[in-house]
């Protein structure tokens, strides 16, 4: 009986190790693909669901990224990060907030980290495979190494053929689930040299709020 239990434990450990290695190899392929592009433009759907608090929210957004720089449009707000400074522009409030990006917290997944956040701080293993309109989507389950993390786990859906991220499903320890689904993924598009530059002259009537 003891030998049977030991054999089962060894098989289980071997399967888990294989799953972890396969997941790591797939994530490495995704990372290499992302880093090979000069720039990336994504149109996405963002959904938040917390059944306990009866909160449901769904919106669309778009982001263009080049290295650490990005321009994000979501919920009527534009965020521009030029590599050093983050500008958050709210036309509704007629306000521009200026800060360093790290003021958001080191644990936050910013657009510039959206396609590479998984490289540090997670354990991972292969999860289910889904067929989405003829596309084979392989999910990788990521679990935070930090036990104090507010994230319970993340499911990262990867298009097996293109090695592009299809969606990201994050489940928090408070049961809040946020889902980001990529509607379009464009690379190496011609973009303006001033896309990631904040033009203060366009917001002369806005209140400028400098945080640091």
Protein backbone atom coordinates (compact mmCIF):
# COMPACT_ATOMS: atom_id res chain seq x y z
CA UNK A 1 0.00 0.00 0.00
CA UNK A 2 2.80 2.40 0.89
CA UNK A 3 4.50 1.61 -2.43
CA UNK A 4 1.25 2.37 -4.29
CA UNK A 5 0.87 5.73 -2.52
CA UNK A 6 4.50 6.59 -3.27
CA UNK A 7 4.04 5.65 -6.93
CA UNK A 8 0.93 7.84 -7.19
CA UNK A 9 2.77 10.76 -5.59
CA UNK A 10 5.66 10.36 -8.04
CA UNK A 11 3.29 10.23 -11.01
CA UNK A 12 1.39 13.27 -9.73
CA UNK A 13 4.65 15.20 -9.22
CA UNK A 14 5.88 14.23 -12.68
CA UNK A 15 2.63 15.33 -14.35
CA UNK A 16 2.64 18.66 -12.48
CA UNK A 17 6.30 19.26 -13.40
CA UNK A 18 5.58 18.49 -17.06
CA UNK A 19 2.57 20.82 -17.01
CA UNK A 20 4.68 23.57 -15.41
CA UNK A 21 7.47 23.14 -17.99
CA UNK A 22 4.98 23.20 -20.89
CA UNK A 23 3.36 26.33 -19.48
CA UNK A 24 6.75 28.02 -19.07
CA UNK A 25 7.75 27.14 -22.64
CA UNK A 26 4.47 28.56 -24.01
CA UNK A 27 4.81 31.78 -21.98
CA UNK A 28 8.40 32.15 -23.20
CA UNK A 29 7.15 31.87 -26.80
CA UNK A 30 4.55 34.57 -26.11
CA UNK A 31 7.16 36.84 -24.50
CA UNK A 32 9.59 36.47 -27.42
CA UNK A 33 6.81 37.22 -29.91
CA UNK A 34 5.70 40.35 -28.05
CA UNK A 35 9.25 41.69 -27.69
CA UNK A 36 9.92 41.20 -31.42
CA UNK A 37 7.42 43.93 -32.37
CA UNK A 38 8.30 47.61 -32.63
CA UNK A 39 4.84 48.60 -31.43
CA UNK A 40 1.51 46.97 -30.58
CA UNK A 41 -2.02 48.36 -30.86
CA UNK A 42 -4.85 46.55 -29.07
CA UNK A 43 -8.60 47.08 -29.05
CA UNK A 44 -10.11 45.25 -26.07
CA UNK A 45 -13.21 44.56 -23.98
CA UNK A 46 -12.96 44.90 -20.20
CA UNK A 47 -15.50 43.28 -17.90
CA UNK A 48 -15.76 43.32 -14.09
CA UNK A 49 -18.05 40.99 -12.13
CA UNK A 50 -18.55 40.80 -8.38
CA UNK A 51 -21.67 38.74 -7.63
CA UNK A 52 -21.36 39.26 -3.87
CA UNK A 53 -21.62 43.04 -4.26
CA UNK A 54 -23.92 42.75 -7.31
CA UNK A 55 -21.46 44.76 -9.40
CA UNK A 56 -21.24 44.25 -13.15
CA UNK A 57 -19.37 46.55 -15.48
CA UNK A 58 -18.36 46.22 -19.10
CA UNK A 59 -16.53 48.66 -21.33
CA UNK A 60 -14.24 48.85 -24.32
CA UNK A 61 -10.84 50.45 -24.65
CA UNK A 62 -7.77 50.67 -26.79
CA UNK A 63 -4.07 50.97 -26.13
CA UNK A 64 -0.94 51.55 -28.21
CA UNK A 65 2.39 50.44 -26.73
CA UNK A 66 6.00 50.92 -27.75
CA UNK A 67 8.53 49.65 -25.24
CA UNK A 68 7.55 51.13 -21.86
CA UNK A 69 5.57 53.94 -23.47
CA UNK A 70 1.83 53.74 -23.99
CA UNK A 71 -1.37 55.62 -24.72
CA UNK A 72 -4.52 54.13 -23.22
CA UNK A 73 -8.14 55.17 -23.77
CA UNK A 74 -10.78 53.72 -21.45
CA UNK A 75 -13.95 54.96 -19.67
CA UNK A 76 -13.58 58.38 -21.31
CA UNK A 77 -10.12 58.86 -19.80
CA UNK A 78 -6.81 59.02 -21.69
CA UNK A 79 -3.56 57.95 -20.06
CA UNK A 80 -0.21 58.78 -21.67
CA UNK A 81 3.06 57.40 -20.33
CA UNK A 82 6.17 58.80 -22.04
CA UNK A 83 8.57 56.43 -20.30
CA UNK A 84 9.06 58.65 -17.24
CA UNK A 85 5.84 60.50 -16.49
CA UNK A 86 2.19 59.42 -16.51
CA UNK A 87 -0.47 61.89 -17.66
CA UNK A 88 -4.10 61.03 -16.85
CA UNK A 89 -6.49 63.22 -18.81
CA UNK A 90 -10.15 63.45 -17.75
CA UNK A 91 -12.21 65.67 -20.11
CA UNK A 92 -15.31 65.23 -17.90
CA UNK A 93 -13.50 66.68 -14.89
CA UNK A 94 -11.37 69.02 -17.01
CA UNK A 95 -8.35 67.79 -15.09
CA UNK A 96 -4.92 66.41 -15.92
CA UNK A 97 -3.14 64.40 -13.22
CA UNK A 98 0.65 64.15 -13.56
CA UNK A 99 2.63 61.51 -11.70
CA UNK A 100 5.37 58.94 -11.97
CA UNK A 101 3.94 55.58 -13.04
CA UNK A 102 5.16 53.79 -9.91
CA UNK A 103 2.80 55.92 -7.83
CA UNK A 104 0.12 53.38 -8.81
CA UNK A 105 1.87 50.66 -6.84
CA UNK A 106 4.40 48.08 -7.88
CA UNK A 107 1.82 45.30 -7.94
CA UNK A 108 -0.44 46.93 -10.51
CA UNK A 109 -0.59 45.61 -14.06
CA UNK A 110 -0.08 48.68 -16.23
CA UNK A 111 -0.47 48.64 -20.04
CA UNK A 112 3.30 48.50 -20.53
CA UNK A 113 3.36 45.35 -18.37
CA UNK A 114 0.11 43.89 -19.67
CA UNK A 115 1.79 41.48 -22.07
CA UNK A 116 4.72 40.54 -19.83
CA UNK A 117 3.49 40.76 -16.20
CA UNK A 118 3.55 36.96 -15.88
CA UNK A 119 7.34 36.76 -16.20
CA UNK A 120 7.87 37.33 -12.46
CA UNK A 121 6.02 36.49 -9.27
CA UNK A 122 3.87 33.56 -10.40
CA UNK A 123 3.76 29.79 -10.43
CA UNK A 124 2.09 28.44 -13.54
CA UNK A 125 0.66 25.29 -15.07
CA UNK A 126 -1.32 24.32 -18.15
CA UNK A 127 -5.11 24.55 -17.85
CA UNK A 128 -8.00 23.88 -20.25
CA UNK A 129 -8.05 24.28 -24.04
CA UNK A 130 -10.97 26.04 -25.73
CA UNK A 131 -12.02 26.39 -29.35
CA UNK A 132 -13.00 30.01 -29.97
CA UNK A 133 -14.37 30.52 -33.48
CA UNK A 134 -11.89 28.04 -34.90
CA UNK A 135 -8.98 29.34 -32.83
CA UNK A 136 -7.29 26.99 -30.36
CA UNK A 137 -6.93 28.88 -27.08
CA UNK A 138 -4.67 27.28 -24.49
CA UNK A 139 -5.11 28.57 -20.96
CA UNK A 140 -2.25 28.84 -18.47
CA UNK A 141 -3.15 29.16 -14.79
CA UNK A 142 -0.96 31.58 -12.85
CA UNK A 143 -0.92 31.59 -9.06
CA UNK A 144 0.89 34.39 -7.15
CA UNK A 145 3.97 33.29 -5.24
CA UNK A 146 3.23 35.99 -2.65
CA UNK A 147 0.60 34.53 -0.29
CA UNK A 148 -0.46 38.07 0.67
CA UNK A 149 -1.42 38.93 -2.92
CA UNK A 150 -5.00 40.09 -3.45
CA UNK A 151 -5.07 37.90 -6.58
CA UNK A 152 -6.31 34.34 -6.15
CA UNK A 153 -5.28 33.24 -9.65
CA UNK A 154 -5.14 34.36 -13.27
CA UNK A 155 -6.09 32.41 -16.37
CA UNK A 156 -4.15 33.58 -19.41
CA UNK A 157 -5.67 32.50 -22.73
CA UNK A 158 -3.10 32.15 -25.52
CA UNK A 159 -3.76 31.62 -29.24
CA UNK A 160 -1.64 28.54 -29.92
CA UNK A 161 -1.06 29.44 -33.59
CA UNK A 162 -0.13 33.12 -33.31
CA UNK A 163 1.29 33.00 -29.73
CA UNK A 164 -0.70 36.15 -28.97
CA UNK A 165 -2.67 36.67 -25.76
CA UNK A 166 -6.40 36.26 -26.43
CA UNK A 167 -7.73 37.07 -22.97
CA UNK A 168 -6.89 37.42 -19.30
CA UNK A 169 -9.24 36.35 -16.50
CA UNK A 170 -8.22 37.52 -13.04
CA UNK A 171 -9.99 36.21 -9.94
CA UNK A 172 -9.41 38.10 -6.69
CA UNK A 173 -9.57 36.68 -3.19
CA UNK A 174 -12.69 38.83 -2.70
CA UNK A 175 -14.31 36.86 -5.59
CA UNK A 176 -14.13 39.82 -7.97
CA UNK A 177 -13.45 38.60 -11.50
CA UNK A 178 -12.06 40.89 -14.18
CA UNK A 179 -11.75 39.78 -17.79
CA UNK A 180 -9.82 41.50 -20.55
CA UNK A 181 -10.52 40.14 -24.04
CA UNK A 182 -8.50 41.23 -27.07
CA UNK A 183 -10.75 42.15 -30.02
CA UNK A 184 -7.94 43.19 -32.36
CA UNK A 185 -4.16 42.89 -32.11
CA UNK A 186 -2.12 44.95 -34.58
CA UNK A 187 1.65 45.20 -34.74
CA UNK A 188 4.28 47.48 -36.27
CA UNK A 189 1.71 50.06 -37.36
CA UNK A 190 2.88 53.52 -38.49
CA UNK A 191 2.35 55.78 -35.47
CA UNK A 192 2.88 59.49 -34.86
CA UNK A 193 6.19 60.53 -33.27
CA UNK A 194 4.17 62.62 -30.80
CA UNK A 195 1.70 59.88 -29.82
CA UNK A 196 3.29 59.44 -26.39
CA UNK A 197 3.95 63.16 -25.85
CA UNK A 198 1.69 65.24 -23.62
CA UNK A 199 0.83 68.57 -25.28
CA UNK A 200 0.04 70.98 -22.44
CA UNK A 201 -1.23 73.64 -24.86
CA UNK A 202 -4.28 71.48 -25.65
CA UNK A 203 -5.38 71.58 -22.02
CA UNK A 204 -4.87 75.22 -21.05
CA UNK A 205 -8.36 75.32 -19.49
CA UNK A 206 -7.82 72.15 -17.45
CA UNK A 207 -6.76 71.95 -13.83
CA UNK A 208 -3.25 70.48 -13.66
CA UNK A 209 -2.79 68.24 -10.63
CA UNK A 210 0.85 67.26 -9.98
CA UNK A 211 1.16 64.41 -7.48
CA UNK A 212 4.96 64.34 -7.18
